[in-house]
Amino acid sequence: MAVNTGAITSTVEDLLNYVLRTRLQRKAKSIIMSGIEFLAVDLAILFVSINLDKNVNIELGLFILAIIGAVYVFVLVTFIFIHAWCFTPDESIKMKPKEEVEEAFAGTNSQPPILDGFLELPFPAKFRGNGCAWWLPYLGWSISAAIIISGAVLYLIAEADMTPGSSAALAAASLLLYQISSDFAEYWVFSGNQVLEEE
């Protein structure tokens, strides 16, 4: 039985468009959609890992890693949804990021996408905003890095047993996890550095 992921993501996107309307909330929506894409790729990795008959330990390692990645992304996406829905100002209060924060991200966002997240690593500490859990993006980056590095080690150990499809799924999952971590850091810095828009 095939799952129509296009219909699922379209339905979720419609729901998020209804609930998340402000600029900051739309940033949260893009992270949530990337999280859903990651979960779909993670599911593919689970199916691939079950078919590595040659090495049971690697199969188990990939299976556990896929579960850990799925749980992490699910918790992060749920947290972002609740934060965006409950703790960001609604449309009637016109907010925008502080100018220096917006300029800093504009400078890094003009770089190649693979570099932009690394260039933004100092921003949560530099722009602490209201100071509430400013370190949270670093926790997310640490968890993501542990998952990506563990996946790379498992891949290198079992490279001969990997199919091109499983290699592509692992690479896609790693890139999506990187994107989710980078976007979450940006969202978190923006959410802590909001000011009222001048009329």
N, C-alpha and C. Protein backbone atom coordinates (compact mmCIF):
# COMPACT_ATOMS: atom_id res chain seq x y z
N MET A 1 0.84 -1.19 0.00
CA MET A 1 0.00 0.00 0.00
C MET A 1 0.89 1.25 0.00
N ALA A 2 0.76 2.05 -1.01
CA ALA A 2 1.56 3.26 -1.12
C ALA A 2 0.89 4.42 -0.38
N VAL A 3 1.70 5.26 0.22
CA VAL A 3 1.21 6.43 0.92
C VAL A 3 1.42 7.64 0.03
N ASN A 4 0.38 8.43 -0.16
CA ASN A 4 0.46 9.62 -0.98
C ASN A 4 0.97 10.78 -0.12
N THR A 5 2.29 10.94 -0.08
CA THR A 5 2.86 11.99 0.77
C THR A 5 2.52 13.38 0.25
N GLY A 6 2.30 13.53 -1.04
CA GLY A 6 1.92 14.83 -1.60
C GLY A 6 0.59 15.31 -1.03
N ALA A 7 -0.38 14.42 -0.93
CA ALA A 7 -1.68 14.77 -0.37
C ALA A 7 -1.57 15.10 1.11
N ILE A 8 -0.74 14.33 1.81
CA ILE A 8 -0.56 14.57 3.25
C ILE A 8 0.09 15.93 3.48
N THR A 9 1.18 16.23 2.76
CA THR A 9 1.86 17.51 2.97
C THR A 9 0.98 18.68 2.53
N SER A 10 0.18 18.49 1.49
CA SER A 10 -0.73 19.54 1.04
C SER A 10 -1.78 19.83 2.11
N THR A 11 -2.33 18.79 2.72
CA THR A 11 -3.33 18.96 3.77
C THR A 11 -2.72 19.65 4.99
N VAL A 12 -1.53 19.21 5.39
CA VAL A 12 -0.85 19.82 6.53
C VAL A 12 -0.53 21.27 6.24
N GLU A 13 -0.06 21.55 5.02
CA GLU A 13 0.27 22.92 4.65
C GLU A 13 -0.96 23.82 4.69
N ASP A 14 -2.10 23.32 4.21
CA ASP A 14 -3.34 24.09 4.27
C ASP A 14 -3.73 24.40 5.71
N LEU A 15 -3.60 23.40 6.59
CA LEU A 15 -3.91 23.61 8.00
C LEU A 15 -2.97 24.64 8.61
N LEU A 16 -1.69 24.54 8.32
CA LEU A 16 -0.72 25.48 8.87
C LEU A 16 -0.96 26.89 8.34
N ASN A 17 -1.35 27.03 7.08
CA ASN A 17 -1.67 28.34 6.53
C ASN A 17 -2.84 28.98 7.27
N TYR A 18 -3.78 28.17 7.70
CA TYR A 18 -4.93 28.66 8.43
C TYR A 18 -4.55 29.12 9.84
N VAL A 19 -3.63 28.39 10.47
CA VAL A 19 -3.30 28.65 11.87
C VAL A 19 -2.13 29.62 12.02
N LEU A 20 -1.11 29.49 11.18
CA LEU A 20 0.11 30.29 11.31
C LEU A 20 0.15 31.35 10.22
N ARG A 21 -0.04 32.62 10.61
CA ARG A 21 -0.22 33.66 9.60
C ARG A 21 0.82 34.77 9.61
N THR A 22 1.46 35.03 10.72
CA THR A 22 2.41 36.14 10.76
C THR A 22 3.72 35.73 10.08
N ARG A 23 4.58 36.70 9.88
CA ARG A 23 5.87 36.44 9.22
C ARG A 23 6.69 35.40 10.00
N LEU A 24 6.75 35.57 11.32
CA LEU A 24 7.50 34.63 12.15
C LEU A 24 6.84 33.25 12.13
N GLN A 25 5.53 33.22 12.15
CA GLN A 25 4.82 31.95 12.11
C GLN A 25 5.02 31.24 10.78
N ARG A 26 5.13 32.00 9.69
CA ARG A 26 5.40 31.37 8.38
C ARG A 26 6.79 30.73 8.36
N LYS A 27 7.74 31.33 9.08
CA LYS A 27 9.07 30.72 9.21
C LYS A 27 8.93 29.39 9.95
N ALA A 28 8.11 29.37 10.99
CA ALA A 28 7.86 28.12 11.73
C ALA A 28 7.21 27.09 10.81
N LYS A 29 6.30 27.55 9.95
CA LYS A 29 5.63 26.63 9.03
C LYS A 29 6.62 25.96 8.09
N SER A 30 7.60 26.70 7.61
CA SER A 30 8.58 26.10 6.69
C SER A 30 9.42 25.04 7.42
N ILE A 31 9.71 25.26 8.71
CA ILE A 31 10.47 24.27 9.48
C ILE A 31 9.60 23.02 9.68
N ILE A 32 8.34 23.23 9.98
CA ILE A 32 7.42 22.10 10.18
C ILE A 32 7.31 21.28 8.89
N MET A 33 7.21 21.93 7.76
CA MET A 33 7.11 21.21 6.49
C MET A 33 8.41 20.44 6.20
N SER A 34 9.57 21.05 6.51
CA SER A 34 10.84 20.33 6.36
C SER A 34 10.89 19.13 7.29
N GLY A 35 10.32 19.28 8.48
CA GLY A 35 10.26 18.17 9.42
C GLY A 35 9.43 17.02 8.89
N ILE A 36 8.33 17.34 8.24
CA ILE A 36 7.48 16.30 7.65
C ILE A 36 8.23 15.60 6.52
N GLU A 37 8.95 16.37 5.70
CA GLU A 37 9.77 15.77 4.65
C GLU A 37 10.84 14.86 5.25
N PHE A 38 11.46 15.31 6.35
CA PHE A 38 12.48 14.48 7.01
C PHE A 38 11.85 13.17 7.50
N LEU A 39 10.68 13.24 8.08
CA LEU A 39 10.03 12.03 8.59
C LEU A 39 9.72 11.05 7.45
N ALA A 40 9.36 11.57 6.27
CA ALA A 40 9.11 10.69 5.12
C ALA A 40 10.42 10.02 4.67
N VAL A 41 11.51 10.78 4.62
CA VAL A 41 12.81 10.21 4.24
C VAL A 41 13.27 9.22 5.31
N ASP A 42 13.02 9.57 6.57
CA ASP A 42 13.40 8.69 7.68
C ASP A 42 12.67 7.35 7.59
N LEU A 43 11.43 7.40 7.17
CA LEU A 43 10.65 6.17 6.98
C LEU A 43 11.30 5.31 5.89
N ALA A 44 11.77 5.96 4.83
CA ALA A 44 12.47 5.22 3.76
C ALA A 44 13.74 4.57 4.30
N ILE A 45 14.45 5.28 5.17
CA ILE A 45 15.67 4.71 5.76
C ILE A 45 15.32 3.50 6.61
N LEU A 46 14.21 3.58 7.33
CA LEU A 46 13.79 2.43 8.14
C LEU A 46 13.55 1.20 7.26
N PHE A 47 12.86 1.40 6.13
CA PHE A 47 12.60 0.27 5.23
C PHE A 47 13.89 -0.26 4.60
N VAL A 48 14.81 0.64 4.28
CA VAL A 48 16.09 0.22 3.70
C VAL A 48 16.90 -0.54 4.74
N SER A 49 16.91 -0.05 5.97
CA SER A 49 17.74 -0.70 7.00
C SER A 49 17.26 -2.10 7.31
N ILE A 50 15.98 -2.36 7.12
CA ILE A 50 15.46 -3.70 7.37
C ILE A 50 15.96 -4.68 6.32
N ASN A 51 16.37 -4.18 5.16
CA ASN A 51 16.79 -5.05 4.06
C ASN A 51 18.31 -5.23 3.96
N LEU A 52 19.07 -4.84 4.95
CA LEU A 52 20.52 -5.05 4.92
C LEU A 52 20.82 -6.40 5.57
N ASP A 53 20.59 -7.46 4.81
CA ASP A 53 20.72 -8.81 5.35
C ASP A 53 22.15 -9.19 5.70
N LYS A 54 23.11 -8.54 5.09
CA LYS A 54 24.51 -8.95 5.26
C LYS A 54 25.07 -8.57 6.64
N ASN A 55 24.58 -7.48 7.23
CA ASN A 55 25.16 -7.01 8.47
C ASN A 55 24.05 -6.61 9.44
N VAL A 56 23.73 -7.50 10.37
CA VAL A 56 22.63 -7.29 11.30
C VAL A 56 22.92 -6.12 12.25
N ASN A 57 24.18 -5.96 12.66
CA ASN A 57 24.53 -4.87 13.58
C ASN A 57 24.34 -3.50 12.92
N ILE A 58 24.74 -3.37 11.67
CA ILE A 58 24.55 -2.11 10.95
C ILE A 58 23.06 -1.87 10.74
N GLU A 59 22.33 -2.93 10.41
CA GLU A 59 20.88 -2.81 10.24
C GLU A 59 20.24 -2.28 11.52
N LEU A 60 20.63 -2.84 12.64
CA LEU A 60 20.10 -2.39 13.93
C LEU A 60 20.52 -0.95 14.22
N GLY A 61 21.78 -0.61 13.92
CA GLY A 61 22.26 0.75 14.13
C GLY A 61 21.48 1.77 13.31
N LEU A 62 21.24 1.47 12.03
CA LEU A 62 20.46 2.37 11.19
C LEU A 62 19.02 2.49 11.69
N PHE A 63 18.47 1.38 12.12
CA PHE A 63 17.11 1.37 12.63
C PHE A 63 17.00 2.27 13.87
N ILE A 64 17.92 2.10 14.81
CA ILE A 64 17.91 2.92 16.03
C ILE A 64 18.16 4.39 15.70
N LEU A 65 19.09 4.67 14.81
CA LEU A 65 19.39 6.04 14.41
C LEU A 65 18.18 6.70 13.75
N ALA A 66 17.49 5.94 12.89
CA ALA A 66 16.30 6.48 12.23
C ALA A 66 15.21 6.79 13.25
N ILE A 67 15.04 5.93 14.24
CA ILE A 67 14.04 6.17 15.29
C ILE A 67 14.42 7.41 16.11
N ILE A 68 15.69 7.52 16.50
CA ILE A 68 16.15 8.68 17.27
C ILE A 68 15.93 9.97 16.46
N GLY A 69 16.29 9.94 15.17
CA GLY A 69 16.09 11.11 14.31
C GLY A 69 14.62 11.47 14.20
N ALA A 70 13.76 10.47 14.05
CA ALA A 70 12.32 10.73 13.92
C ALA A 70 11.76 11.32 15.21
N VAL A 71 12.16 10.78 16.33
CA VAL A 71 11.67 11.30 17.62
C VAL A 71 12.15 12.73 17.82
N TYR A 72 13.42 12.98 17.54
CA TYR A 72 13.97 14.34 17.69
C TYR A 72 13.21 15.34 16.81
N VAL A 73 13.04 15.01 15.54
CA VAL A 73 12.36 15.94 14.63
C VAL A 73 10.90 16.11 15.02
N PHE A 74 10.23 15.03 15.41
CA PHE A 74 8.84 15.13 15.83
C PHE A 74 8.70 16.05 17.05
N VAL A 75 9.57 15.87 18.04
CA VAL A 75 9.52 16.73 19.23
C VAL A 75 9.82 18.19 18.86
N LEU A 76 10.83 18.42 18.02
CA LEU A 76 11.18 19.78 17.61
C LEU A 76 10.04 20.44 16.84
N VAL A 77 9.45 19.72 15.89
CA VAL A 77 8.36 20.26 15.09
C VAL A 77 7.14 20.57 15.97
N THR A 78 6.84 19.68 16.91
CA THR A 78 5.73 19.91 17.83
C THR A 78 6.00 21.14 18.69
N PHE A 79 7.22 21.25 19.20
CA PHE A 79 7.60 22.42 20.00
C PHE A 79 7.46 23.71 19.19
N ILE A 80 7.96 23.71 17.96
CA ILE A 80 7.89 24.90 17.12
C ILE A 80 6.45 25.28 16.83
N PHE A 81 5.62 24.28 16.52
CA PHE A 81 4.20 24.56 16.25
C PHE A 81 3.54 25.21 17.47
N ILE A 82 3.74 24.62 18.64
CA ILE A 82 3.12 25.17 19.86
C ILE A 82 3.67 26.57 20.15
N HIS A 83 4.97 26.75 20.00
CA HIS A 83 5.56 28.06 20.24
C HIS A 83 5.01 29.10 19.27
N ALA A 84 4.98 28.76 17.99
CA ALA A 84 4.51 29.71 16.98
C ALA A 84 3.03 30.04 17.16
N TRP A 85 2.26 29.07 17.53
CA TRP A 85 0.82 29.27 17.66
C TRP A 85 0.45 30.00 18.95
N CYS A 86 1.13 29.66 20.04
CA CYS A 86 0.73 30.19 21.35
C CYS A 86 1.57 31.37 21.84
N PHE A 87 2.82 31.46 21.43
CA PHE A 87 3.71 32.43 22.05
C PHE A 87 4.23 33.50 21.11
N THR A 88 3.73 33.56 19.90
CA THR A 88 4.09 34.66 19.02
C THR A 88 2.88 35.58 18.89
N PRO A 89 3.11 36.88 18.74
CA PRO A 89 1.98 37.81 18.63
C PRO A 89 1.11 37.49 17.41
N ASP A 90 -0.19 37.77 17.55
CA ASP A 90 -1.08 37.52 16.42
C ASP A 90 -0.96 38.64 15.38
N GLU A 91 -1.77 38.52 14.33
CA GLU A 91 -1.68 39.46 13.21
C GLU A 91 -1.99 40.90 13.58
N SER A 92 -2.81 41.09 14.63
CA SER A 92 -3.22 42.45 14.99
C SER A 92 -2.05 43.25 15.58
N ILE A 93 -1.03 42.56 16.09
CA ILE A 93 0.15 43.24 16.63
C ILE A 93 1.26 43.12 15.59
N LYS A 94 1.58 44.21 14.97
CA LYS A 94 2.58 44.21 13.90
C LYS A 94 3.98 44.20 14.49
N MET A 95 4.66 43.08 14.34
CA MET A 95 6.01 42.91 14.86
C MET A 95 6.97 42.65 13.70
N LYS A 96 8.23 42.94 13.96
CA LYS A 96 9.28 42.63 12.99
C LYS A 96 10.56 42.36 13.77
N PRO A 97 11.52 41.66 13.13
CA PRO A 97 12.80 41.44 13.81
C PRO A 97 13.57 42.75 13.95
N LYS A 98 14.41 42.83 14.97
CA LYS A 98 15.28 44.00 15.12
C LYS A 98 16.13 44.13 13.87
N GLU A 99 16.42 45.37 13.51
CA GLU A 99 17.12 45.64 12.26
C GLU A 99 18.49 44.97 12.19
N GLU A 100 19.27 45.00 13.28
CA GLU A 100 20.61 44.39 13.24
C GLU A 100 20.53 42.88 13.08
N VAL A 101 19.49 42.27 13.61
CA VAL A 101 19.31 40.82 13.46
C VAL A 101 18.94 40.50 12.01
N GLU A 102 18.02 41.26 11.47
CA GLU A 102 17.60 41.06 10.09
C GLU A 102 18.79 41.24 9.13
N GLU A 103 19.61 42.25 9.36
CA GLU A 103 20.78 42.49 8.50
C GLU A 103 21.80 41.36 8.61
N ALA A 104 22.00 40.85 9.82
CA ALA A 104 22.96 39.76 10.01
C ALA A 104 22.52 38.52 9.23
N PHE A 105 21.23 38.18 9.32
CA PHE A 105 20.74 37.01 8.60
C PHE A 105 20.69 37.26 7.09
N ALA A 106 20.41 38.49 6.67
CA ALA A 106 20.41 38.79 5.24
C ALA A 106 21.80 38.57 4.66
N GLY A 107 22.83 38.92 5.43
CA GLY A 107 24.20 38.72 4.97
C GLY A 107 24.56 37.25 4.81
N THR A 108 24.13 36.41 5.74
CA THR A 108 24.46 34.98 5.63
C THR A 108 23.56 34.26 4.64
N ASN A 109 22.32 34.69 4.52
CA ASN A 109 21.39 34.03 3.61
C ASN A 109 21.77 34.24 2.15
N SER A 110 22.64 35.21 1.87
CA SER A 110 23.09 35.42 0.50
C SER A 110 24.23 34.47 0.13
N GLN A 111 24.72 33.72 1.10
CA GLN A 111 25.79 32.73 0.87
C GLN A 111 25.18 31.43 0.35
N PRO A 112 26.01 30.52 -0.18
CA PRO A 112 25.48 29.22 -0.61
C PRO A 112 24.75 28.54 0.56
N PRO A 113 23.62 27.87 0.29
CA PRO A 113 22.80 27.29 1.35
C PRO A 113 23.55 26.38 2.32
N ILE A 114 24.53 25.65 1.84
CA ILE A 114 25.25 24.72 2.72
C ILE A 114 26.12 25.48 3.72
N LEU A 115 26.53 26.71 3.39
CA LEU A 115 27.36 27.51 4.29
C LEU A 115 26.56 28.36 5.24
N ASP A 116 25.36 28.73 4.85
CA ASP A 116 24.60 29.72 5.61
C ASP A 116 24.36 29.29 7.06
N GLY A 117 24.04 28.04 7.30
CA GLY A 117 23.81 27.56 8.66
C GLY A 117 25.05 27.65 9.52
N PHE A 118 26.22 27.31 8.94
CA PHE A 118 27.47 27.40 9.70
C PHE A 118 27.82 28.85 10.02
N LEU A 119 27.57 29.75 9.08
CA LEU A 119 27.87 31.16 9.30
C LEU A 119 26.95 31.77 10.37
N GLU A 120 25.77 31.18 10.56
CA GLU A 120 24.81 31.69 11.54
C GLU A 120 25.00 31.10 12.93
N LEU A 121 25.95 30.19 13.10
CA LEU A 121 26.16 29.55 14.41
C LEU A 121 26.36 30.55 15.56
N PRO A 122 27.09 31.65 15.39
CA PRO A 122 27.27 32.57 16.52
C PRO A 122 26.03 33.41 16.87
N PHE A 123 25.04 33.45 16.00
CA PHE A 123 23.93 34.38 16.18
C PHE A 123 23.09 34.15 17.44
N PRO A 124 22.77 32.92 17.84
CA PRO A 124 21.98 32.78 19.07
C PRO A 124 22.68 33.38 20.29
N ALA A 125 24.00 33.26 20.38
CA ALA A 125 24.73 33.85 21.50
C ALA A 125 24.87 35.36 21.35
N LYS A 126 25.05 35.81 20.12
CA LYS A 126 25.23 37.24 19.86
C LYS A 126 23.93 38.02 20.04
N PHE A 127 22.83 37.47 19.54
CA PHE A 127 21.53 38.14 19.61
C PHE A 127 20.62 37.37 20.58
N ARG A 128 20.91 37.47 21.85
CA ARG A 128 20.15 36.73 22.85
C ARG A 128 18.72 37.22 23.01
N GLY A 129 18.45 38.41 22.53
CA GLY A 129 17.09 38.94 22.61
C GLY A 129 16.61 39.04 24.04
N ASN A 130 15.46 38.44 24.30
CA ASN A 130 14.90 38.52 25.65
C ASN A 130 15.59 37.54 26.60
N GLY A 131 16.59 36.82 26.13
CA GLY A 131 17.40 35.96 26.97
C GLY A 131 16.77 34.63 27.34
N CYS A 132 15.56 34.39 26.92
CA CYS A 132 14.85 33.17 27.29
C CYS A 132 15.36 31.99 26.47
N ALA A 133 16.10 31.10 27.11
CA ALA A 133 16.60 29.88 26.46
C ALA A 133 17.31 30.18 25.13
N TRP A 134 18.17 31.18 25.13
CA TRP A 134 18.90 31.56 23.92
C TRP A 134 19.78 30.43 23.41
N TRP A 135 20.13 29.49 24.27
CA TRP A 135 21.01 28.37 23.97
C TRP A 135 20.30 27.21 23.26
N LEU A 136 18.99 27.27 23.16
CA LEU A 136 18.23 26.17 22.58
C LEU A 136 18.69 25.77 21.17
N PRO A 137 19.01 26.72 20.29
CA PRO A 137 19.51 26.31 18.97
C PRO A 137 20.80 25.49 19.05
N TYR A 138 21.64 25.77 20.03
CA TYR A 138 22.88 25.00 20.18
C TYR A 138 22.58 23.56 20.60
N LEU A 139 21.57 23.38 21.41
CA LEU A 139 21.14 22.03 21.79
C LEU A 139 20.64 21.29 20.54
N GLY A 140 19.83 21.98 19.73
CA GLY A 140 19.35 21.38 18.48
C GLY A 140 20.48 21.03 17.53
N TRP A 141 21.45 21.95 17.38
CA TRP A 141 22.60 21.68 16.52
C TRP A 141 23.38 20.47 17.04
N SER A 142 23.55 20.36 18.36
CA SER A 142 24.32 19.25 18.93
C SER A 142 23.64 17.92 18.66
N ILE A 143 22.34 17.87 18.85
CA ILE A 143 21.60 16.62 18.60
C ILE A 143 21.68 16.27 17.12
N SER A 144 21.48 17.25 16.26
CA SER A 144 21.54 17.01 14.81
C SER A 144 22.92 16.53 14.39
N ALA A 145 23.95 17.18 14.92
CA ALA A 145 25.32 16.77 14.57
C ALA A 145 25.59 15.33 15.03
N ALA A 146 25.12 14.97 16.21
CA ALA A 146 25.33 13.60 16.70
C ALA A 146 24.64 12.59 15.78
N ILE A 147 23.44 12.91 15.34
CA ILE A 147 22.70 12.01 14.45
C ILE A 147 23.39 11.91 13.09
N ILE A 148 23.79 13.04 12.53
CA ILE A 148 24.44 13.06 11.22
C ILE A 148 25.78 12.33 11.26
N ILE A 149 26.57 12.59 12.27
CA ILE A 149 27.88 11.93 12.38
C ILE A 149 27.72 10.43 12.59
N SER A 150 26.77 10.04 13.42
CA SER A 150 26.51 8.60 13.63
C SER A 150 26.08 7.93 12.33
N GLY A 151 25.24 8.61 11.57
CA GLY A 151 24.82 8.07 10.27
C GLY A 151 25.98 7.94 9.31
N ALA A 152 26.87 8.93 9.31
CA ALA A 152 28.03 8.88 8.43
C ALA A 152 28.96 7.72 8.81
N VAL A 153 29.15 7.51 10.11
CA VAL A 153 30.00 6.40 10.56
C VAL A 153 29.38 5.07 10.15
N LEU A 154 28.08 4.90 10.37
CA LEU A 154 27.41 3.66 9.96
C LEU A 154 27.51 3.46 8.45
N TYR A 155 27.37 4.55 7.70
CA TYR A 155 27.48 4.46 6.25
C TYR A 155 28.88 3.99 5.84
N LEU A 156 29.90 4.59 6.44
CA LEU A 156 31.27 4.22 6.09
C LEU A 156 31.57 2.77 6.44
N ILE A 157 31.01 2.29 7.54
CA ILE A 157 31.23 0.89 7.93
C ILE A 157 30.55 -0.06 6.95
N ALA A 158 29.35 0.29 6.52
CA ALA A 158 28.56 -0.62 5.68
C ALA A 158 28.44 -0.16 4.24
N GLU A 159 29.36 0.65 3.79
CA GLU A 159 29.28 1.23 2.45
C GLU A 159 29.11 0.16 1.37
N ALA A 160 29.78 -0.96 1.50
CA ALA A 160 29.70 -2.01 0.48
C ALA A 160 28.30 -2.63 0.41
N ASP A 161 27.58 -2.63 1.54
CA ASP A 161 26.25 -3.23 1.58
C ASP A 161 25.14 -2.25 1.20
N MET A 162 25.47 -0.98 1.11
CA MET A 162 24.45 0.05 0.85
C MET A 162 24.08 0.09 -0.63
N THR A 163 22.81 0.22 -0.88
CA THR A 163 22.32 0.42 -2.25
C THR A 163 22.38 1.92 -2.55
N PRO A 164 22.35 2.28 -3.83
CA PRO A 164 22.33 3.71 -4.16
C PRO A 164 21.12 4.42 -3.52
N GLY A 165 20.00 3.72 -3.43
CA GLY A 165 18.80 4.32 -2.82
C GLY A 165 18.99 4.60 -1.34
N SER A 166 19.63 3.68 -0.64
CA SER A 166 19.86 3.90 0.80
C SER A 166 20.89 5.00 1.02
N SER A 167 21.89 5.07 0.14
CA SER A 167 22.87 6.15 0.23
C SER A 167 22.21 7.50 0.01
N ALA A 168 21.33 7.56 -0.99
CA ALA A 168 20.62 8.81 -1.28
C ALA A 168 19.70 9.20 -0.13
N ALA A 169 19.03 8.22 0.46
CA ALA A 169 18.13 8.50 1.59
C ALA A 169 18.90 9.03 2.79
N LEU A 170 20.07 8.44 3.08
CA LEU A 170 20.89 8.94 4.18
C LEU A 170 21.39 10.36 3.92
N ALA A 171 21.81 10.63 2.69
CA ALA A 171 22.28 11.97 2.34
C ALA A 171 21.14 12.99 2.45
N ALA A 172 19.96 12.62 1.93
CA ALA A 172 18.81 13.52 2.00
C ALA A 172 18.42 13.79 3.45
N ALA A 173 18.41 12.75 4.27
CA ALA A 173 18.06 12.92 5.69
C ALA A 173 19.06 13.84 6.37
N SER A 174 20.34 13.69 6.07
CA SER A 174 21.37 14.54 6.67
C SER A 174 21.18 16.00 6.27
N LEU A 175 20.93 16.24 4.99
CA LEU A 175 20.73 17.62 4.52
C LEU A 175 19.46 18.23 5.11
N LEU A 176 18.40 17.45 5.20
CA LEU A 176 17.16 17.97 5.81
C LEU A 176 17.36 18.28 7.29
N LEU A 177 18.08 17.43 7.99
CA LEU A 177 18.35 17.67 9.41
C LEU A 177 19.18 18.93 9.58
N TYR A 178 20.16 19.14 8.71
CA TYR A 178 20.97 20.36 8.72
C TYR A 178 20.08 21.57 8.48
N GLN A 179 19.19 21.49 7.48
CA GLN A 179 18.30 22.60 7.16
C GLN A 179 17.36 22.90 8.32
N ILE A 180 16.80 21.87 8.92
CA ILE A 180 15.88 22.06 10.05
C ILE A 180 16.60 22.74 11.20
N SER A 181 17.81 22.31 11.51
CA SER A 181 18.58 22.91 12.61
C SER A 181 18.91 24.36 12.32
N SER A 182 19.33 24.63 11.10
CA SER A 182 19.67 26.00 10.71
C SER A 182 18.44 26.90 10.76
N ASP A 183 17.33 26.41 10.21
CA ASP A 183 16.10 27.21 10.20
C ASP A 183 15.54 27.41 11.61
N PHE A 184 15.66 26.38 12.45
CA PHE A 184 15.21 26.53 13.83
C PHE A 184 16.02 27.59 14.56
N ALA A 185 17.34 27.60 14.35
CA ALA A 185 18.18 28.63 14.98
C ALA A 185 17.74 30.02 14.54
N GLU A 186 17.49 30.17 13.24
CA GLU A 186 17.05 31.46 12.72
C GLU A 186 15.69 31.85 13.31
N TYR A 187 14.75 30.92 13.34
CA TYR A 187 13.44 31.18 13.92
C TYR A 187 13.57 31.60 15.38
N TRP A 188 14.40 30.89 16.14
CA TRP A 188 14.53 31.16 17.57
C TRP A 188 15.15 32.54 17.83
N VAL A 189 16.16 32.89 17.03
CA VAL A 189 16.78 34.21 17.18
C VAL A 189 15.77 35.29 16.81
N PHE A 190 15.04 35.11 15.72
CA PHE A 190 14.03 36.09 15.33
C PHE A 190 12.94 36.21 16.39
N SER A 191 12.49 35.09 16.95
CA SER A 191 11.40 35.15 17.92
C SER A 191 11.81 35.87 19.20
N GLY A 192 13.10 35.84 19.54
CA GLY A 192 13.55 36.54 20.74
C GLY A 192 13.97 37.97 20.49
N ASN A 193 13.91 38.40 19.24
CA ASN A 193 14.36 39.75 18.88
C ASN A 193 13.30 40.48 18.06
N GLN A 194 12.07 40.45 18.54
CA GLN A 194 10.96 41.13 17.86
C GLN A 194 10.74 42.52 18.44
N VAL A 195 10.42 43.47 17.59
CA VAL A 195 10.04 44.81 18.02
C VAL A 195 8.78 45.21 17.27
N LEU A 196 8.07 46.18 17.82
CA LEU A 196 6.85 46.67 17.16
C LEU A 196 7.22 47.40 15.88
N GLU A 197 6.44 47.16 14.83
CA GLU A 197 6.63 47.90 13.58
C GLU A 197 6.14 49.31 13.77
N GLU A 198 6.89 50.27 13.23
CA GLU A 198 6.45 51.65 13.30
C GLU A 198 5.41 51.90 12.24
N GLU A 199 4.40 52.62 12.61
CA GLU A 199 3.30 52.92 11.67
C GLU A 199 3.74 53.90 10.63
